[in-house]
N, C-alpha and C. Protein backbone atom coordinates (compact mmCIF):
# COMPACT_ATOMS: atom_id res chain seq x y z
N MET A 1 0.83 -1.17 0.00
CA MET A 1 0.00 0.00 0.00
C MET A 1 0.88 1.25 0.00
N ILE A 2 0.53 2.22 -0.82
CA ILE A 2 1.29 3.46 -0.91
C ILE A 2 0.99 4.34 0.30
N GLN A 3 2.05 4.86 0.90
CA GLN A 3 1.92 5.74 2.06
C GLN A 3 2.11 7.18 1.59
N TYR A 4 1.21 8.06 1.97
CA TYR A 4 1.31 9.47 1.63
C TYR A 4 1.48 10.29 2.90
N SER A 5 2.18 11.40 2.75
CA SER A 5 2.28 12.36 3.85
C SER A 5 2.24 13.75 3.25
N CYS A 6 1.81 14.70 4.04
CA CYS A 6 1.73 16.10 3.61
C CYS A 6 3.16 16.63 3.50
N ASP A 7 3.48 17.21 2.37
CA ASP A 7 4.82 17.74 2.16
C ASP A 7 5.08 19.02 2.95
N ARG A 8 4.04 19.61 3.50
CA ARG A 8 4.21 20.84 4.28
C ARG A 8 4.34 20.53 5.77
N CYS A 9 3.39 19.81 6.33
CA CYS A 9 3.40 19.56 7.78
C CYS A 9 3.88 18.15 8.14
N LYS A 10 4.10 17.32 7.15
CA LYS A 10 4.62 15.94 7.32
C LYS A 10 3.63 14.98 7.97
N ARG A 11 2.37 15.39 8.10
CA ARG A 11 1.34 14.52 8.68
C ARG A 11 1.06 13.36 7.72
N ARG A 12 0.93 12.16 8.26
CA ARG A 12 0.60 10.98 7.46
C ARG A 12 -0.84 11.09 6.98
N LEU A 13 -1.05 10.80 5.70
CA LEU A 13 -2.38 10.87 5.10
C LEU A 13 -2.89 9.47 4.81
N ASP A 14 -4.02 9.15 5.39
CA ASP A 14 -4.65 7.85 5.17
C ASP A 14 -5.49 7.94 3.89
N PRO A 15 -5.16 7.17 2.85
CA PRO A 15 -5.90 7.27 1.59
C PRO A 15 -7.38 6.91 1.72
N GLN A 16 -7.74 6.15 2.75
CA GLN A 16 -9.13 5.76 2.96
C GLN A 16 -9.93 6.85 3.69
N GLU A 17 -9.26 7.68 4.47
CA GLU A 17 -9.95 8.63 5.33
C GLU A 17 -9.68 10.10 4.98
N ASP A 18 -8.47 10.40 4.54
CA ASP A 18 -8.06 11.79 4.34
C ASP A 18 -8.12 12.18 2.86
N LEU A 19 -8.51 13.41 2.65
CA LEU A 19 -8.48 13.98 1.31
C LEU A 19 -7.08 14.51 1.09
N ARG A 20 -6.49 14.17 -0.05
CA ARG A 20 -5.13 14.59 -0.37
C ARG A 20 -5.20 15.52 -1.58
N TYR A 21 -4.52 16.65 -1.49
CA TYR A 21 -4.47 17.61 -2.58
C TYR A 21 -3.09 17.56 -3.22
N VAL A 22 -3.06 17.55 -4.54
CA VAL A 22 -1.80 17.55 -5.28
C VAL A 22 -1.63 18.92 -5.92
N VAL A 23 -0.54 19.58 -5.58
CA VAL A 23 -0.21 20.89 -6.14
C VAL A 23 0.95 20.69 -7.09
N LYS A 24 0.77 21.13 -8.34
CA LYS A 24 1.83 21.04 -9.35
C LYS A 24 2.25 22.45 -9.71
N VAL A 25 3.56 22.68 -9.67
CA VAL A 25 4.11 24.00 -9.98
C VAL A 25 5.09 23.82 -11.13
N GLU A 26 4.95 24.66 -12.13
CA GLU A 26 5.86 24.65 -13.27
C GLU A 26 6.51 26.02 -13.36
N VAL A 27 7.84 26.05 -13.31
CA VAL A 27 8.58 27.31 -13.31
C VAL A 27 9.51 27.32 -14.51
N SER A 28 9.45 28.40 -15.28
CA SER A 28 10.36 28.51 -16.42
C SER A 28 10.92 29.93 -16.49
N ALA A 29 12.15 30.02 -16.90
CA ALA A 29 12.79 31.33 -17.05
C ALA A 29 12.19 32.03 -18.26
N PHE A 30 12.08 33.33 -18.17
CA PHE A 30 11.51 34.10 -19.27
C PHE A 30 12.20 35.44 -19.35
N MET A 31 12.57 35.81 -20.55
CA MET A 31 13.16 37.12 -20.79
C MET A 31 12.40 37.78 -21.93
N ASP A 32 12.09 39.05 -21.76
CA ASP A 32 11.48 39.79 -22.86
C ASP A 32 12.51 39.92 -23.98
N PRO A 33 12.06 39.80 -25.20
CA PRO A 33 13.02 39.92 -26.31
C PRO A 33 13.56 41.34 -26.40
N LEU A 34 14.82 41.43 -26.78
CA LEU A 34 15.44 42.74 -26.97
C LEU A 34 14.88 43.37 -28.23
N GLU A 35 14.63 44.66 -28.17
CA GLU A 35 14.18 45.34 -29.37
C GLU A 35 15.38 45.58 -30.26
N SER A 36 15.23 45.17 -31.50
CA SER A 36 16.32 45.29 -32.43
C SER A 36 15.77 45.70 -33.78
N ASP A 37 16.52 46.55 -34.47
CA ASP A 37 16.10 46.96 -35.81
C ASP A 37 16.24 45.81 -36.79
N GLU A 38 17.24 44.97 -36.55
CA GLU A 38 17.48 43.86 -37.45
C GLU A 38 17.00 42.57 -36.81
N MET A 39 16.08 41.91 -37.46
CA MET A 39 15.60 40.61 -36.98
C MET A 39 16.44 39.52 -37.63
N ASP A 40 16.77 38.50 -36.87
CA ASP A 40 17.55 37.38 -37.39
C ASP A 40 16.59 36.43 -38.08
N ASP A 41 16.48 36.56 -39.41
CA ASP A 41 15.53 35.75 -40.17
C ASP A 41 16.00 34.32 -40.33
N ASP A 42 17.29 34.06 -40.11
CA ASP A 42 17.82 32.71 -40.30
C ASP A 42 17.50 31.79 -39.13
N CYS A 43 17.02 32.34 -38.03
CA CYS A 43 16.83 31.55 -36.82
C CYS A 43 15.35 31.54 -36.43
N ASP A 44 14.79 30.36 -36.20
CA ASP A 44 13.40 30.22 -35.76
C ASP A 44 13.42 30.02 -34.25
N HIS A 45 13.22 31.11 -33.51
CA HIS A 45 13.33 31.07 -32.06
C HIS A 45 12.21 30.24 -31.42
N LEU A 46 11.02 30.30 -31.98
CA LEU A 46 9.92 29.49 -31.44
C LEU A 46 10.22 28.01 -31.57
N LEU A 47 10.81 27.62 -32.67
CA LEU A 47 11.18 26.21 -32.85
C LEU A 47 12.25 25.81 -31.84
N GLU A 48 13.20 26.69 -31.57
CA GLU A 48 14.24 26.39 -30.58
C GLU A 48 13.64 26.22 -29.19
N VAL A 49 12.71 27.09 -28.82
CA VAL A 49 12.06 27.00 -27.51
C VAL A 49 11.27 25.70 -27.42
N GLN A 50 10.54 25.35 -28.47
CA GLN A 50 9.77 24.10 -28.48
C GLN A 50 10.69 22.88 -28.30
N GLU A 51 11.83 22.89 -28.96
CA GLU A 51 12.78 21.78 -28.82
C GLU A 51 13.31 21.69 -27.39
N ILE A 52 13.56 22.82 -26.77
CA ILE A 52 14.05 22.82 -25.39
C ILE A 52 12.99 22.26 -24.46
N ILE A 53 11.74 22.66 -24.66
CA ILE A 53 10.65 22.17 -23.81
C ILE A 53 10.47 20.67 -23.99
N GLU A 54 10.54 20.19 -25.21
CA GLU A 54 10.40 18.75 -25.45
C GLU A 54 11.53 17.98 -24.78
N CYS A 55 12.73 18.53 -24.81
CA CYS A 55 13.86 17.87 -24.14
C CYS A 55 13.68 17.88 -22.63
N SER A 56 13.03 18.92 -22.10
CA SER A 56 12.87 19.02 -20.66
C SER A 56 11.93 17.95 -20.13
N GLU A 57 11.03 17.46 -20.98
CA GLU A 57 10.10 16.42 -20.55
C GLU A 57 10.79 15.09 -20.37
N ASP A 58 11.95 14.93 -20.97
CA ASP A 58 12.76 13.73 -20.80
C ASP A 58 13.58 13.89 -19.53
N GLU A 59 13.28 13.11 -18.51
CA GLU A 59 13.94 13.27 -17.21
C GLU A 59 15.44 13.00 -17.27
N GLU A 60 15.90 12.35 -18.31
CA GLU A 60 17.32 12.05 -18.45
C GLU A 60 18.09 13.24 -19.00
N SER A 61 17.40 14.24 -19.53
CA SER A 61 18.06 15.36 -20.20
C SER A 61 18.78 16.25 -19.19
N ASP A 62 20.04 16.59 -19.51
CA ASP A 62 20.82 17.49 -18.68
C ASP A 62 21.01 18.84 -19.35
N GLN A 63 20.32 19.08 -20.47
CA GLN A 63 20.51 20.32 -21.21
C GLN A 63 19.92 21.52 -20.49
N ILE A 64 18.89 21.32 -19.69
CA ILE A 64 18.22 22.43 -19.02
C ILE A 64 18.48 22.33 -17.53
N GLY A 65 19.03 23.38 -16.96
CA GLY A 65 19.28 23.41 -15.52
C GLY A 65 18.05 23.84 -14.76
N ASP A 66 18.08 23.65 -13.44
CA ASP A 66 16.96 24.04 -12.59
C ASP A 66 16.71 25.54 -12.61
N ASP A 67 17.71 26.32 -13.02
CA ASP A 67 17.51 27.76 -13.07
C ASP A 67 16.74 28.20 -14.31
N VAL A 68 16.49 27.28 -15.26
CA VAL A 68 15.77 27.60 -16.49
C VAL A 68 14.37 27.00 -16.49
N TYR A 69 14.25 25.78 -16.06
CA TYR A 69 12.94 25.11 -16.08
C TYR A 69 12.87 24.08 -14.95
N ARG A 70 11.73 24.05 -14.28
CA ARG A 70 11.57 23.10 -13.18
C ARG A 70 10.10 22.79 -12.96
N ARG A 71 9.81 21.52 -12.70
CA ARG A 71 8.46 21.09 -12.33
C ARG A 71 8.52 20.55 -10.91
N LEU A 72 7.55 20.99 -10.10
CA LEU A 72 7.48 20.54 -8.71
C LEU A 72 6.09 19.96 -8.46
N ARG A 73 6.02 19.00 -7.54
CA ARG A 73 4.75 18.37 -7.19
C ARG A 73 4.72 18.16 -5.69
N PHE A 74 3.62 18.58 -5.06
CA PHE A 74 3.49 18.47 -3.62
C PHE A 74 2.16 17.82 -3.26
N ASP A 75 2.18 16.97 -2.24
CA ASP A 75 0.96 16.42 -1.65
C ASP A 75 0.66 17.23 -0.39
N LEU A 76 -0.59 17.71 -0.28
CA LEU A 76 -0.96 18.51 0.88
C LEU A 76 -2.19 17.94 1.56
N CYS A 77 -2.23 18.06 2.89
CA CYS A 77 -3.44 17.71 3.64
C CYS A 77 -4.45 18.85 3.47
N SER A 78 -5.65 18.67 3.96
CA SER A 78 -6.70 19.69 3.80
C SER A 78 -6.31 21.02 4.45
N ASP A 79 -5.75 20.97 5.67
CA ASP A 79 -5.39 22.21 6.36
C ASP A 79 -4.29 22.97 5.62
N CYS A 80 -3.27 22.26 5.18
CA CYS A 80 -2.17 22.91 4.47
C CYS A 80 -2.61 23.41 3.10
N TYR A 81 -3.53 22.71 2.48
CA TYR A 81 -4.08 23.16 1.20
C TYR A 81 -4.80 24.51 1.37
N LYS A 82 -5.59 24.64 2.44
CA LYS A 82 -6.29 25.90 2.69
C LYS A 82 -5.29 27.03 2.94
N ARG A 83 -4.22 26.75 3.69
CA ARG A 83 -3.19 27.76 3.94
C ARG A 83 -2.46 28.13 2.65
N TYR A 84 -2.22 27.14 1.82
CA TYR A 84 -1.55 27.37 0.54
C TYR A 84 -2.39 28.32 -0.33
N LEU A 85 -3.69 28.11 -0.39
CA LEU A 85 -4.56 28.96 -1.20
C LEU A 85 -4.59 30.40 -0.71
N LEU A 86 -4.42 30.60 0.59
CA LEU A 86 -4.41 31.96 1.13
C LEU A 86 -3.14 32.73 0.76
N ASN A 87 -2.04 32.00 0.53
CA ASN A 87 -0.77 32.65 0.25
C ASN A 87 0.09 31.75 -0.64
N PRO A 88 -0.30 31.54 -1.91
CA PRO A 88 0.40 30.57 -2.75
C PRO A 88 1.85 30.92 -3.08
N VAL A 89 2.21 32.19 -3.05
CA VAL A 89 3.59 32.55 -3.37
C VAL A 89 4.44 32.78 -2.12
N GLY A 90 3.87 32.58 -0.93
CA GLY A 90 4.64 32.68 0.31
C GLY A 90 5.07 34.09 0.64
N ARG A 91 4.27 35.06 0.26
CA ARG A 91 4.60 36.46 0.52
C ARG A 91 4.51 36.76 2.01
N GLU A 92 5.47 37.55 2.50
CA GLU A 92 5.46 37.96 3.90
C GLU A 92 4.27 38.89 4.13
N PRO A 93 3.59 38.74 5.27
CA PRO A 93 2.45 39.64 5.53
C PRO A 93 2.93 41.08 5.72
N VAL A 94 2.14 42.02 5.24
CA VAL A 94 2.46 43.43 5.36
C VAL A 94 1.92 43.93 6.69
N GLU A 95 2.79 44.63 7.43
CA GLU A 95 2.35 45.18 8.72
C GLU A 95 1.61 46.49 8.47
N HIS A 96 0.46 46.61 9.09
CA HIS A 96 -0.32 47.84 9.00
C HIS A 96 -0.17 48.60 10.30
N PHE A 97 0.16 49.87 10.19
CA PHE A 97 0.32 50.70 11.37
C PHE A 97 -0.96 51.51 11.59
N GLY A 98 -1.36 51.58 12.84
CA GLY A 98 -2.54 52.39 13.16
C GLY A 98 -2.09 53.78 13.59
N PHE A 99 -2.60 54.78 12.92
CA PHE A 99 -2.27 56.16 13.27
C PHE A 99 -3.54 56.83 13.82
N SER A 100 -3.33 57.66 14.81
CA SER A 100 -4.47 58.39 15.37
C SER A 100 -4.88 59.50 14.41
N GLU A 101 -6.12 59.90 14.49
CA GLU A 101 -6.62 60.96 13.63
C GLU A 101 -6.49 62.29 14.36
N ASN A 102 -5.33 62.91 14.29
CA ASN A 102 -5.08 64.20 14.97
C ASN A 102 -5.47 65.35 14.09
């Protein structure tokens, strides 16, 4: 039997009793193209990007580093899933200061 645990809180998840949420994150590097008067007509950049993406799907490929493309997968319990939805990018909370109305 496959054993699951929450990747956030490490709580064991019983497949018969607990609802398990799977979060998939895909991260890829992106740069806006440089504006240039001369376009390189000899090079098909979209084709190059497509070839890189196809190679990335092969887990044996070492052509793409983690700094360019990465897929992540997490199992979450119900509580951690709710917390994840409240702050999916992990942003620090902003402190609000109360000022008197003088």
